[in-house]
Amino acid sequence: MDLIEIRKKYKTLVVAPYKIKLAHAKIEEVLHILPSILEYIRKDNYYLIDLDIMQDFVGIFNKAEMIDYLTTNYNFCYSNEYIEGYNRIVDNDHTVGIDCLTLVEIEYTG
């Protein structure tokens, strides 16, 4: 359920962000149990709005080079573009550091 659907369903919407650090959890295990967790919390009218998966890389990160690599070799485009079925690279340099690249993956429905 996305934020628009949630707003339609509830008269008063309260959004309370929570950040849970899972630095030592295996991503495969988290993604495996996530559907059952979402089903469980939905019973009490809690919904996941955002899932942020980060990966730290050691050393110097060349953001422009990485963007070029992703857009040339994989299905990524800039956030101000729209290409059907492509993941987006968010233009948020004004809010994140030069060592951060934010990617939005398309919803997988299969």
PDB file of N, CA and C in Angstrom:
ATOM      1  N   MET A   1       0.856  -1.164   0.000  1.00  0.00           N
ATOM      2  CA  MET A   1       0.000   0.000   0.000  1.00  0.00           C
ATOM      3  C   MET A   1       0.905   1.231   0.000  1.00  0.00           C
ATOM      4  N   ASP A   2       0.656   2.155  -0.911  1.00  0.00           N
ATOM      5  CA  ASP A   2       1.491   3.342  -0.953  1.00  0.00           C
ATOM      6  C   ASP A   2       0.851   4.455  -0.125  1.00  0.00           C
ATOM      7  N   LEU A   3       1.569   5.560   0.015  1.00  0.00           N
ATOM      8  CA  LEU A   3       1.135   6.654   0.873  1.00  0.00           C
ATOM      9  C   LEU A   3      -0.201   7.248   0.430  1.00  0.00           C
ATOM     10  N   ILE A   4      -0.462   7.309  -0.860  1.00  0.00           N
ATOM     11  CA  ILE A   4      -1.729   7.853  -1.364  1.00  0.00           C
ATOM     12  C   ILE A   4      -2.898   6.964  -0.925  1.00  0.00           C
ATOM     13  N   GLU A   5      -2.732   5.653  -1.047  1.00  0.00           N
ATOM     14  CA  GLU A   5      -3.787   4.720  -0.621  1.00  0.00           C
ATOM     15  C   GLU A   5      -4.020   4.808   0.886  1.00  0.00           C
ATOM     16  N   ILE A   6      -2.946   4.965   1.646  1.00  0.00           N
ATOM     17  CA  ILE A   6      -3.068   5.075   3.104  1.00  0.00           C
ATOM     18  C   ILE A   6      -3.849   6.337   3.461  1.00  0.00           C
ATOM     19  N   ARG A   7      -3.555   7.449   2.781  1.00  0.00           N
ATOM     20  CA  ARG A   7      -4.266   8.705   3.059  1.00  0.00           C
ATOM     21  C   ARG A   7      -5.756   8.593   2.740  1.00  0.00           C
ATOM     22  N   LYS A   8      -6.098   7.836   1.700  1.00  0.00           N
ATOM     23  CA  LYS A   8      -7.500   7.638   1.353  1.00  0.00           C
ATOM     24  C   LYS A   8      -8.210   6.800   2.413  1.00  0.00           C
ATOM     25  N   LYS A   9      -7.502   5.844   2.990  1.00  0.00           N
ATOM     26  CA  LYS A   9      -8.107   4.903   3.931  1.00  0.00           C
ATOM     27  C   LYS A   9      -8.335   5.511   5.316  1.00  0.00           C
ATOM     28  N   TYR A  10      -7.459   6.409   5.752  1.00  0.00           N
ATOM     29  CA  TYR A  10      -7.528   6.932   7.108  1.00  0.00           C
ATOM     30  C   TYR A  10      -7.805   8.425   7.116  1.00  0.00           C
ATOM     31  N   LYS A  11      -8.705   8.850   8.021  1.00  0.00           N
ATOM     32  CA  LYS A  11      -9.065  10.262   8.150  1.00  0.00           C
ATOM     33  C   LYS A  11      -7.891  11.072   8.685  1.00  0.00           C
ATOM     34  N   THR A  12      -7.254  10.588   9.725  1.00  0.00           N
ATOM     35  CA  THR A  12      -6.101  11.266  10.317  1.00  0.00           C
ATOM     36  C   THR A  12      -4.883  10.381  10.133  1.00  0.00           C
ATOM     37  N   LEU A  13      -3.895  10.904   9.454  1.00  0.00           N
ATOM     38  CA  LEU A  13      -2.680  10.138   9.176  1.00  0.00           C
ATOM     39  C   LEU A  13      -1.551  10.629  10.069  1.00  0.00           C
ATOM     40  N   VAL A  14      -0.930   9.725  10.751  1.00  0.00           N
ATOM     41  CA  VAL A  14       0.228  10.049  11.569  1.00  0.00           C
ATOM     42  C   VAL A  14       1.397   9.261  11.017  1.00  0.00           C
ATOM     43  N   VAL A  15       2.447   9.961  10.661  1.00  0.00           N
ATOM     44  CA  VAL A  15       3.648   9.317  10.143  1.00  0.00           C
ATOM     45  C   VAL A  15       4.743   9.480  11.187  1.00  0.00           C
ATOM     46  N   ALA A  16       5.250   8.383  11.659  1.00  0.00           N
ATOM     47  CA  ALA A  16       6.322   8.398  12.651  1.00  0.00           C
ATOM     48  C   ALA A  16       7.487   7.585  12.106  1.00  0.00           C
ATOM     49  N   PRO A  17       8.540   8.258  11.706  1.00  0.00           N
ATOM     50  CA  PRO A  17       9.671   7.516  11.141  1.00  0.00           C
ATOM     51  C   PRO A  17      10.457   6.751  12.213  1.00  0.00           C
ATOM     52  N   TYR A  18      10.792   5.542  11.872  1.00  0.00           N
ATOM     53  CA  TYR A  18      11.627   4.715  12.724  1.00  0.00           C
ATOM     54  C   TYR A  18      12.773   4.194  11.877  1.00  0.00           C
ATOM     55  N   LYS A  19      13.940   4.185  12.453  1.00  0.00           N
ATOM     56  CA  LYS A  19      15.096   3.639  11.761  1.00  0.00           C
ATOM     57  C   LYS A  19      15.604   2.451  12.580  1.00  0.00           C
ATOM     58  N   ILE A  20      15.699   1.326  11.918  1.00  0.00           N
ATOM     59  CA  ILE A  20      16.174   0.113  12.580  1.00  0.00           C
ATOM     60  C   ILE A  20      17.487  -0.283  11.928  1.00  0.00           C
ATOM     61  N   LYS A  21      18.532  -0.327  12.723  1.00  0.00           N
ATOM     62  CA  LYS A  21      19.850  -0.682  12.203  1.00  0.00           C
ATOM     63  C   LYS A  21      19.986  -2.204  12.176  1.00  0.00           C
ATOM     64  N   LEU A  22      20.276  -2.712  10.998  1.00  0.00           N
ATOM     65  CA  LEU A  22      20.452  -4.149  10.819  1.00  0.00           C
ATOM     66  C   LEU A  22      21.812  -4.431  10.185  1.00  0.00           C
ATOM     67  N   ALA A  23      22.831  -3.767  10.698  1.00  0.00           N
ATOM     68  CA  ALA A  23      24.161  -3.842  10.098  1.00  0.00           C
ATOM     69  C   ALA A  23      24.691  -5.273  10.010  1.00  0.00           C
ATOM     70  N   HIS A  24      24.315  -6.108  10.940  1.00  0.00           N
ATOM     71  CA  HIS A  24      24.857  -7.464  10.953  1.00  0.00           C
ATOM     72  C   HIS A  24      23.878  -8.501  10.397  1.00  0.00           C
ATOM     73  N   ALA A  25      22.734  -8.048   9.928  1.00  0.00           N
ATOM     74  CA  ALA A  25      21.752  -8.971   9.359  1.00  0.00           C
ATOM     75  C   ALA A  25      22.092  -9.236   7.899  1.00  0.00           C
ATOM     76  N   LYS A  26      21.784 -10.423   7.441  1.00  0.00           N
ATOM     77  CA  LYS A  26      21.991 -10.769   6.034  1.00  0.00           C
ATOM     78  C   LYS A  26      20.785 -10.300   5.247  1.00  0.00           C
ATOM     79  N   ILE A  27      21.032  -9.539   4.176  1.00  0.00           N
ATOM     80  CA  ILE A  27      19.957  -8.942   3.393  1.00  0.00           C
ATOM     81  C   ILE A  27      18.996  -9.997   2.845  1.00  0.00           C
ATOM     82  N   GLU A  28      19.516 -11.148   2.456  1.00  0.00           N
ATOM     83  CA  GLU A  28      18.653 -12.208   1.938  1.00  0.00           C
ATOM     84  C   GLU A  28      17.653 -12.660   2.994  1.00  0.00           C
ATOM     85  N   GLU A  29      18.094 -12.771   4.239  1.00  0.00           N
ATOM     86  CA  GLU A  29      17.208 -13.204   5.317  1.00  0.00           C
ATOM     87  C   GLU A  29      16.159 -12.139   5.629  1.00  0.00           C
ATOM     88  N   VAL A  30      16.584 -10.867   5.630  1.00  0.00           N
ATOM     89  CA  VAL A  30      15.649  -9.772   5.902  1.00  0.00           C
ATOM     90  C   VAL A  30      14.559  -9.736   4.834  1.00  0.00           C
ATOM     91  N   LEU A  31      14.960  -9.800   3.570  1.00  0.00           N
ATOM     92  CA  LEU A  31      13.988  -9.750   2.482  1.00  0.00           C
ATOM     93  C   LEU A  31      13.076 -10.976   2.475  1.00  0.00           C
ATOM     94  N   HIS A  32      13.577 -12.091   2.940  1.00  0.00           N
ATOM     95  CA  HIS A  32      12.776 -13.317   2.997  1.00  0.00           C
ATOM     96  C   HIS A  32      11.636 -13.194   4.019  1.00  0.00           C
ATOM     97  N   ILE A  33      11.924 -12.612   5.187  1.00  0.00           N
ATOM     98  CA  ILE A  33      10.894 -12.518   6.239  1.00  0.00           C
ATOM     99  C   ILE A  33      10.096 -11.218   6.180  1.00  0.00           C
ATOM    100  N   LEU A  34      10.507 -10.267   5.359  1.00  0.00           N
ATOM    101  CA  LEU A  34       9.833  -8.973   5.298  1.00  0.00           C
ATOM    102  C   LEU A  34       8.339  -9.071   4.982  1.00  0.00           C
ATOM    103  N   PRO A  35       7.898  -9.871   4.003  1.00  0.00           N
ATOM    104  CA  PRO A  35       6.452  -9.947   3.731  1.00  0.00           C
ATOM    105  C   PRO A  35       5.626 -10.358   4.954  1.00  0.00           C
ATOM    106  N   SER A  36       6.107 -11.310   5.724  1.00  0.00           N
ATOM    107  CA  SER A  36       5.343 -11.733   6.905  1.00  0.00           C
ATOM    108  C   SER A  36       5.353 -10.654   7.985  1.00  0.00           C
ATOM    109  N   ILE A  37       6.437  -9.910   8.103  1.00  0.00           N
ATOM    110  CA  ILE A  37       6.489  -8.805   9.062  1.00  0.00           C
ATOM    111  C   ILE A  37       5.485  -7.722   8.659  1.00  0.00           C
ATOM    112  N   LEU A  38       5.449  -7.380   7.372  1.00  0.00           N
ATOM    113  CA  LEU A  38       4.528  -6.355   6.891  1.00  0.00           C
ATOM    114  C   LEU A  38       3.075  -6.763   7.107  1.00  0.00           C
ATOM    115  N   GLU A  39       2.779  -8.032   6.873  1.00  0.00           N
ATOM    116  CA  GLU A  39       1.430  -8.540   7.105  1.00  0.00           C
ATOM    117  C   GLU A  39       1.056  -8.431   8.584  1.00  0.00           C
ATOM    118  N   TYR A  40       1.997  -8.753   9.451  1.00  0.00           N
ATOM    119  CA  TYR A  40       1.765  -8.707  10.893  1.00  0.00           C
ATOM    120  C   TYR A  40       1.518  -7.282  11.384  1.00  0.00           C
ATOM    121  N   ILE A  41       2.351  -6.328  10.965  1.00  0.00           N
ATOM    122  CA  ILE A  41       2.197  -4.954  11.459  1.00  0.00           C
ATOM    123  C   ILE A  41       0.991  -4.249  10.844  1.00  0.00           C
ATOM    124  N   ARG A  42       0.575  -4.688   9.655  1.00  0.00           N
ATOM    125  CA  ARG A  42      -0.598  -4.091   9.002  1.00  0.00           C
ATOM    126  C   ARG A  42      -1.857  -4.303   9.837  1.00  0.00           C
ATOM    127  N   LYS A  43      -1.912  -5.389  10.602  1.00  0.00           N
ATOM    128  CA  LYS A  43      -3.072  -5.666  11.451  1.00  0.00           C
ATOM    129  C   LYS A  43      -3.304  -4.548  12.467  1.00  0.00           C
ATOM    130  N   ASP A  44      -2.239  -3.885  12.877  1.00  0.00           N
ATOM    131  CA  ASP A  44      -2.337  -2.770  13.820  1.00  0.00           C
ATOM    132  C   ASP A  44      -2.231  -1.419  13.122  1.00  0.00           C
ATOM    133  N   ASN A  45      -2.465  -1.425  11.806  1.00  0.00           N
ATOM    134  CA  ASN A  45      -2.451  -0.198  10.996  1.00  0.00           C
ATOM    135  C   ASN A  45      -1.089   0.490  10.950  1.00  0.00           C
ATOM    136  N   TYR A  46      -0.044  -0.311  10.894  1.00  0.00           N
ATOM    137  CA  TYR A  46       1.301   0.196  10.659  1.00  0.00           C
ATOM    138  C   TYR A  46       1.709  -0.234   9.254  1.00  0.00           C
ATOM    139  N   TYR A  47       2.364   0.683   8.550  1.00  0.00           N
ATOM    140  CA  TYR A  47       2.749   0.407   7.172  1.00  0.00           C
ATOM    141  C   TYR A  47       4.182   0.845   6.935  1.00  0.00           C
ATOM    142  N   LEU A  48       4.863   0.110   6.108  1.00  0.00           N
ATOM    143  CA  LEU A  48       6.215   0.467   5.708  1.00  0.00           C
ATOM    144  C   LEU A  48       6.113   1.422   4.521  1.00  0.00           C
ATOM    145  N   ILE A  49       6.670   2.602   4.673  1.00  0.00           N
ATOM    146  CA  ILE A  49       6.639   3.585   3.596  1.00  0.00           C
ATOM    147  C   ILE A  49       7.966   3.594   2.846  1.00  0.00           C
ATOM    148  N   ASP A  50       9.052   3.313   3.535  1.00  0.00           N
ATOM    149  CA  ASP A  50      10.369   3.410   2.918  1.00  0.00           C
ATOM    150  C   ASP A  50      11.277   2.333   3.492  1.00  0.00           C
ATOM    151  N   LEU A  51      12.030   1.705   2.622  1.00  0.00           N
ATOM    152  CA  LEU A  51      13.039   0.727   3.024  1.00  0.00           C
ATOM    153  C   LEU A  51      14.353   1.166   2.401  1.00  0.00           C
ATOM    154  N   ASP A  52      15.293   1.501   3.223  1.00  0.00           N
ATOM    155  CA  ASP A  52      16.564   2.046   2.767  1.00  0.00           C
ATOM    156  C   ASP A  52      17.655   1.002   2.993  1.00  0.00           C
ATOM    157  N   ILE A  53      18.213   0.495   1.912  1.00  0.00           N
ATOM    158  CA  ILE A  53      19.297  -0.478   2.000  1.00  0.00           C
ATOM    159  C   ILE A  53      20.575   0.220   1.564  1.00  0.00           C
ATOM    160  N   MET A  54      21.506   0.303   2.466  1.00  0.00           N
ATOM    161  CA  MET A  54      22.745   1.026   2.185  1.00  0.00           C
ATOM    162  C   MET A  54      23.915   0.058   2.096  1.00  0.00           C
ATOM    163  N   GLN A  55      24.888   0.460   1.331  1.00  0.00           N
ATOM    164  CA  GLN A  55      26.125  -0.311   1.221  1.00  0.00           C
ATOM    165  C   GLN A  55      27.283   0.677   1.286  1.00  0.00           C
ATOM    166  N   ASP A  56      28.157   0.478   2.242  1.00  0.00           N
ATOM    167  CA  ASP A  56      29.324   1.342   2.359  1.00  0.00           C
ATOM    168  C   ASP A  56      30.475   0.765   1.551  1.00  0.00           C
ATOM    169  N   PHE A  57      31.162   1.626   0.846  1.00  0.00           N
ATOM    170  CA  PHE A  57      32.324   1.230   0.066  1.00  0.00           C
ATOM    171  C   PHE A  57      33.549   1.938   0.614  1.00  0.00           C
ATOM    172  N   VAL A  58      34.610   1.217   0.760  1.00  0.00           N
ATOM    173  CA  VAL A  58      35.849   1.782   1.268  1.00  0.00           C
ATOM    174  C   VAL A  58      36.594   2.459   0.120  1.00  0.00           C
ATOM    175  N   GLY A  59      37.170   3.605   0.399  1.00  0.00           N
ATOM    176  CA  GLY A  59      37.971   4.293  -0.608  1.00  0.00           C
ATOM    177  C   GLY A  59      37.238   5.451  -1.244  1.00  0.00           C
ATOM    178  N   ILE A  60      37.820   5.988  -2.260  1.00  0.00           N
ATOM    179  CA  ILE A  60      37.260   7.145  -2.949  1.00  0.00           C
ATOM    180  C   ILE A  60      36.176   6.676  -3.910  1.00  0.00           C
ATOM    181  N   PHE A  61      35.081   7.380  -3.899  1.00  0.00           N
ATOM    182  CA  PHE A  61      33.930   7.042  -4.719  1.00  0.00           C
ATOM    183  C   PHE A  61      33.728   8.157  -5.737  1.00  0.00           C
ATOM    184  N   ASN A  62      33.742   7.810  -7.007  1.00  0.00           N
ATOM    185  CA  ASN A  62      33.523   8.781  -8.061  1.00  0.00           C
ATOM    186  C   ASN A  62      32.072   8.651  -8.520  1.00  0.00           C
ATOM    187  N   LYS A  63      31.238   9.549  -8.011  1.00  0.00           N
ATOM    188  CA  LYS A  63      29.800   9.479  -8.266  1.00  0.00           C
ATOM    189  C   LYS A  63      29.479   9.585  -9.757  1.00  0.00           C
ATOM    190  N   ALA A  64      30.088  10.530 -10.438  1.00  0.00           N
ATOM    191  CA  ALA A  64      29.815  10.720 -11.867  1.00  0.00           C
ATOM    192  C   ALA A  64      30.193   9.475 -12.672  1.00  0.00           C
ATOM    193  N   GLU A  65      31.305   8.864 -12.313  1.00  0.00           N
ATOM    194  CA  GLU A  65      31.754   7.650 -12.999  1.00  0.00           C
ATOM    195  C   GLU A  65      30.779   6.492 -12.772  1.00  0.00           C
ATOM    196  N   MET A  66      30.284   6.367 -11.537  1.00  0.00           N
ATOM    197  CA  MET A  66      29.334   5.304 -11.221  1.00  0.00           C
ATOM    198  C   MET A  66      28.010   5.518 -11.951  1.00  0.00           C
ATOM    199  N   ILE A  67      27.536   6.752 -12.011  1.00  0.00           N
ATOM    200  CA  ILE A  67      26.296   7.057 -12.728  1.00  0.00           C
ATOM    201  C   ILE A  67      26.449   6.712 -14.207  1.00  0.00           C
ATOM    202  N   ASP A  68      27.567   7.099 -14.782  1.00  0.00           N
ATOM    203  CA  ASP A  68      27.823   6.782 -16.193  1.00  0.00           C
ATOM    204  C   ASP A  68      27.838   5.277 -16.419  1.00  0.00           C
ATOM    205  N   TYR A  69      28.470   4.552 -15.515  1.00  0.00           N
ATOM    206  CA  TYR A  69      28.542   3.094 -15.616  1.00  0.00           C
ATOM    207  C   TYR A  69      27.143   2.469 -15.553  1.00  0.00           C
ATOM    208  N   LEU A  70      26.337   2.911 -14.599  1.00  0.00           N
ATOM    209  CA  LEU A  70      24.997   2.343 -14.428  1.00  0.00           C
ATOM    210  C   LEU A  70      24.080   2.668 -15.604  1.00  0.00           C
ATOM    211  N   THR A  71      24.140   3.900 -16.093  1.00  0.00           N
ATOM    212  CA  THR A  71      23.262   4.288 -17.200  1.00  0.00           C
ATOM    213  C   THR A  71      23.714   3.694 -18.532  1.00  0.00           C
ATOM    214  N   THR A  72      24.979   3.400 -18.657  1.00  0.00           N
ATOM    215  CA  THR A  72      25.502   2.813 -19.892  1.00  0.00           C
ATOM    216  C   THR A  72      25.310   1.303 -19.944  1.00  0.00           C
ATOM    217  N   ASN A  73      25.501   0.636 -18.802  1.00  0.00           N
ATOM    218  CA  ASN A  73      25.525  -0.828 -18.787  1.00  0.00           C
ATOM    219  C   ASN A  73      24.280  -1.504 -18.203  1.00  0.00           C
ATOM    220  N   TYR A  74      23.464  -0.753 -17.492  1.00  0.00           N
ATOM    221  CA  TYR A  74      22.302  -1.349 -16.839  1.00  0.00           C
ATOM    222  C   TYR A  74      21.081  -0.463 -17.061  1.00  0.00           C
ATOM    223  N   ASN A  75      19.925  -0.934 -16.625  1.00  0.00           N
ATOM    224  CA  ASN A  75      18.685  -0.186 -16.842  1.00  0.00           C
ATOM    225  C   ASN A  75      18.464   0.875 -15.754  1.00  0.00           C
ATOM    226  N   PHE A  76      19.303   1.918 -15.798  1.00  0.00           N
ATOM    227  CA  PHE A  76      19.176   3.064 -14.903  1.00  0.00           C
ATOM    228  C   PHE A  76      19.057   4.329 -15.723  1.00  0.00           C
ATOM    229  N   CYS A  77      18.252   5.263 -15.230  1.00  0.00           N
ATOM    230  CA  CYS A  77      18.138   6.573 -15.873  1.00  0.00           C
ATOM    231  C   CYS A  77      18.102   7.624 -14.767  1.00  0.00           C
ATOM    232  N   TYR A  78      18.230   8.873 -15.143  1.00  0.00           N
ATOM    233  CA  TYR A  78      18.170   9.966 -14.173  1.00  0.00           C
ATOM    234  C   TYR A  78      16.737  10.177 -13.708  1.00  0.00           C
ATOM    235  N   SER A  79      16.572  10.702 -12.494  1.00  0.00           N
ATOM    236  CA  SER A  79      15.238  10.859 -11.919  1.00  0.00           C
ATOM    237  C   SER A  79      14.355  11.818 -12.717  1.00  0.00           C
ATOM    238  N   ASN A  80      14.941  12.740 -13.465  1.00  0.00           N
ATOM    239  CA  ASN A  80      14.133  13.666 -14.259  1.00  0.00           C
ATOM    240  C   ASN A  80      13.750  13.078 -15.616  1.00  0.00           C
ATOM    241  N   GLU A  81      14.206  11.862 -15.908  1.00  0.00           N
ATOM    242  CA  GLU A  81      13.854  11.156 -17.132  1.00  0.00           C
ATOM    243  C   GLU A  81      12.824  10.077 -16.773  1.00  0.00           C
ATOM    244  N   TYR A  82      12.111   9.600 -17.767  1.00  0.00           N
ATOM    245  CA  TYR A  82      11.257   8.440 -17.546  1.00  0.00           C
ATOM    246  C   TYR A  82      11.480   7.471 -18.688  1.00  0.00           C
ATOM    247  N   ILE A  83      11.976   6.311 -18.330  1.00  0.00           N
ATOM    248  CA  ILE A  83      12.129   5.236 -19.300  1.00  0.00           C
ATOM    249  C   ILE A  83      11.436   4.022 -18.694  1.00  0.00           C
ATOM    250  N   GLU A  84      10.445   3.513 -19.381  1.00  0.00           N
ATOM    251  CA  GLU A  84       9.660   2.375 -18.902  1.00  0.00           C
ATOM    252  C   GLU A  84      10.563   1.222 -18.468  1.00  0.00           C
ATOM    253  N   GLY A  85      10.358   0.744 -17.231  1.00  0.00           N
ATOM    254  CA  GLY A  85      11.099  -0.403 -16.728  1.00  0.00           C
ATOM    255  C   GLY A  85      12.501  -0.102 -16.224  1.00  0.00           C
ATOM    256  N   TYR A  86      12.885   1.174 -16.176  1.00  0.00           N
ATOM    257  CA  TYR A  86      14.226   1.529 -15.723  1.00  0.00           C
ATOM    258  C   TYR A  86      14.209   1.969 -14.265  1.00  0.00           C
ATOM    259  N   ASN A  87      15.278   1.654 -13.550  1.00  0.00           N
ATOM    260  CA  ASN A  87      15.494   2.161 -12.200  1.00  0.00           C
ATOM    261  C   ASN A  87      15.946   3.613 -12.314  1.00  0.00           C
ATOM    262  N   ARG A  88      15.744   4.388 -11.245  1.00  0.00           N
ATOM    263  CA  ARG A  88      16.081   5.812 -11.300  1.00  0.00           C
ATOM    264  C   ARG A  88      17.252   6.156 -10.388  1.00  0.00           C
ATOM    265  N   ILE A  89      18.056   7.095 -10.836  1.00  0.00           N
ATOM    266  CA  ILE A  89      19.134   7.671 -10.037  1.00  0.00           C
ATOM    267  C   ILE A  89      18.626   9.020  -9.546  1.00  0.00           C
ATOM    268  N   VAL A  90      18.509   9.160  -8.243  1.00  0.00           N
ATOM    269  CA  VAL A  90      17.931  10.361  -7.645  1.00  0.00           C
ATOM    270  C   VAL A  90      18.947  11.496  -7.629  1.00  0.00           C
ATOM    271  N   ASP A  91      18.502  12.670  -8.055  1.00  0.00           N
ATOM    272  CA  ASP A  91      19.337  13.865  -8.030  1.00  0.00           C
ATOM    273  C   ASP A  91      19.134  14.554  -6.686  1.00  0.00           C
ATOM    274  N   ASN A  92      19.917  14.149  -5.693  1.00  0.00           N
ATOM    275  CA  ASN A  92      19.771  14.728  -4.355  1.00  0.00           C
ATOM    276  C   ASN A  92      21.114  15.200  -3.800  1.00  0.00           C
ATOM    277  N   ASP A  93      21.969  15.681  -4.680  1.00  0.00           N
ATOM    278  CA  ASP A  93      23.282  16.155  -4.254  1.00  0.00           C
ATOM    279  C   ASP A  93      23.194  17.276  -3.218  1.00  0.00           C
ATOM    280  N   HIS A  94      22.097  18.010  -3.213  1.00  0.00           N
ATOM    281  CA  HIS A  94      21.936  19.109  -2.261  1.00  0.00           C
ATOM    282  C   HIS A  94      21.610  18.623  -0.844  1.00  0.00           C
ATOM    283  N   THR A  95      21.248  17.335  -0.688  1.00  0.00           N
ATOM    284  CA  THR A  95      20.887  16.823   0.637  1.00  0.00           C
ATOM    285  C   THR A  95      21.784  15.687   1.126  1.00  0.00           C
ATOM    286  N   VAL A  96      22.617  15.145   0.245  1.00  0.00           N
ATOM    287  CA  VAL A  96      23.521  14.060   0.647  1.00  0.00           C
ATOM    288  C   VAL A  96      24.948  14.433   0.282  1.00  0.00           C
ATOM    289  N   GLY A  97      25.890  13.705   0.800  1.00  0.00           N
ATOM    290  CA  GLY A  97      27.290  13.966   0.504  1.00  0.00           C
ATOM    291  C   GLY A  97      27.689  13.494  -0.886  1.00  0.00           C
ATOM    292  N   ILE A  98      28.887  13.889  -1.293  1.00  0.00           N
ATOM    293  CA  ILE A  98      29.379  13.499  -2.615  1.00  0.00           C
ATOM    294  C   ILE A  98      29.690  12.008  -2.686  1.00  0.00           C
ATOM    295  N   ASP A  99      29.690  11.369  -1.538  1.00  0.00           N
ATOM    296  CA  ASP A  99      29.976   9.934  -1.495  1.00  0.00           C
ATOM    297  C   ASP A  99      28.703   9.093  -1.425  1.00  0.00           C
ATOM    298  N   CYS A 100      27.552   9.698  -1.729  1.00  0.00           N
ATOM    299  CA  CYS A 100      26.279   8.983  -1.634  1.00  0.00           C
ATOM    300  C   CYS A 100      25.566   9.010  -2.981  1.00  0.00           C
ATOM    301  N   LEU A 101      25.129   7.851  -3.422  1.00  0.00           N
ATOM    302  CA  LEU A 101      24.360   7.716  -4.654  1.00  0.00           C
ATOM    303  C   LEU A 101      23.057   7.026  -4.295  1.00  0.00           C
ATOM    304  N   THR A 102      21.939   7.684  -4.550  1.00  0.00           N
ATOM    305  CA  THR A 102      20.632   7.152  -4.196  1.00  0.00           C
ATOM    306  C   THR A 102      19.969   6.576  -5.438  1.00  0.00           C
ATOM    307  N   LEU A 103      19.565   5.318  -5.342  1.00  0.00           N
ATOM    308  CA  LEU A 103      18.949   4.607  -6.455  1.00  0.00           C
ATOM    309  C   LEU A 103      17.549   4.178  -6.051  1.00  0.00           C
ATOM    310  N   VAL A 104      16.598   4.332  -6.955  1.00  0.00           N
ATOM    311  CA  VAL A 104      15.234   3.878  -6.708  1.00  0.00           C
ATOM    312  C   VAL A 104      14.943   2.786  -7.714  1.00  0.00           C
ATOM    313  N   GLU A 105      14.712   1.587  -7.191  1.00  0.00           N
ATOM    314  CA  GLU A 105      14.415   0.461  -8.078  1.00  0.00           C
ATOM    315  C   GLU A 105      12.949   0.437  -8.427  1.00  0.00           C
ATOM    316  N   ILE A 106      12.656  -0.034  -9.630  1.00  0.00           N
ATOM    317  CA  ILE A 106      11.260  -0.186 -10.035  1.00  0.00           C
ATOM    318  C   ILE A 106      10.636  -1.285  -9.186  1.00  0.00           C
ATOM    319  N   GLU A 107       9.330  -1.206  -9.023  1.00  0.00           N
ATOM    320  CA  GLU A 107       8.626  -2.235  -8.262  1.00  0.00           C
ATOM    321  C   GLU A 107       8.646  -3.539  -9.033  1.00  0.00           C
ATOM    322  N   TYR A 108       8.985  -4.585  -8.355  1.00  0.00           N
ATOM    323  CA  TYR A 108       8.977  -5.907  -8.971  1.00  0.00           C
ATOM    324  C   TYR A 108       7.647  -6.560  -8.631  1.00  0.00           C
ATOM    325  N   THR A 109       6.897  -6.918  -9.648  1.00  0.00           N
ATOM    326  CA  THR A 109       5.575  -7.501  -9.415  1.00  0.00           C
ATOM    327  C   THR A 109       5.498  -8.972  -9.775  1.00  0.00           C
ATOM    328  N   GLY A 110       6.639  -9.563 -10.140  1.00  0.00           N
ATOM    329  CA  GLY A 110       6.613 -10.958 -10.580  1.00  0.00           C
ATOM    330  C   GLY A 110       6.906 -11.917  -9.588  1.00  0.00           C
TER     331      GLY A 110
END
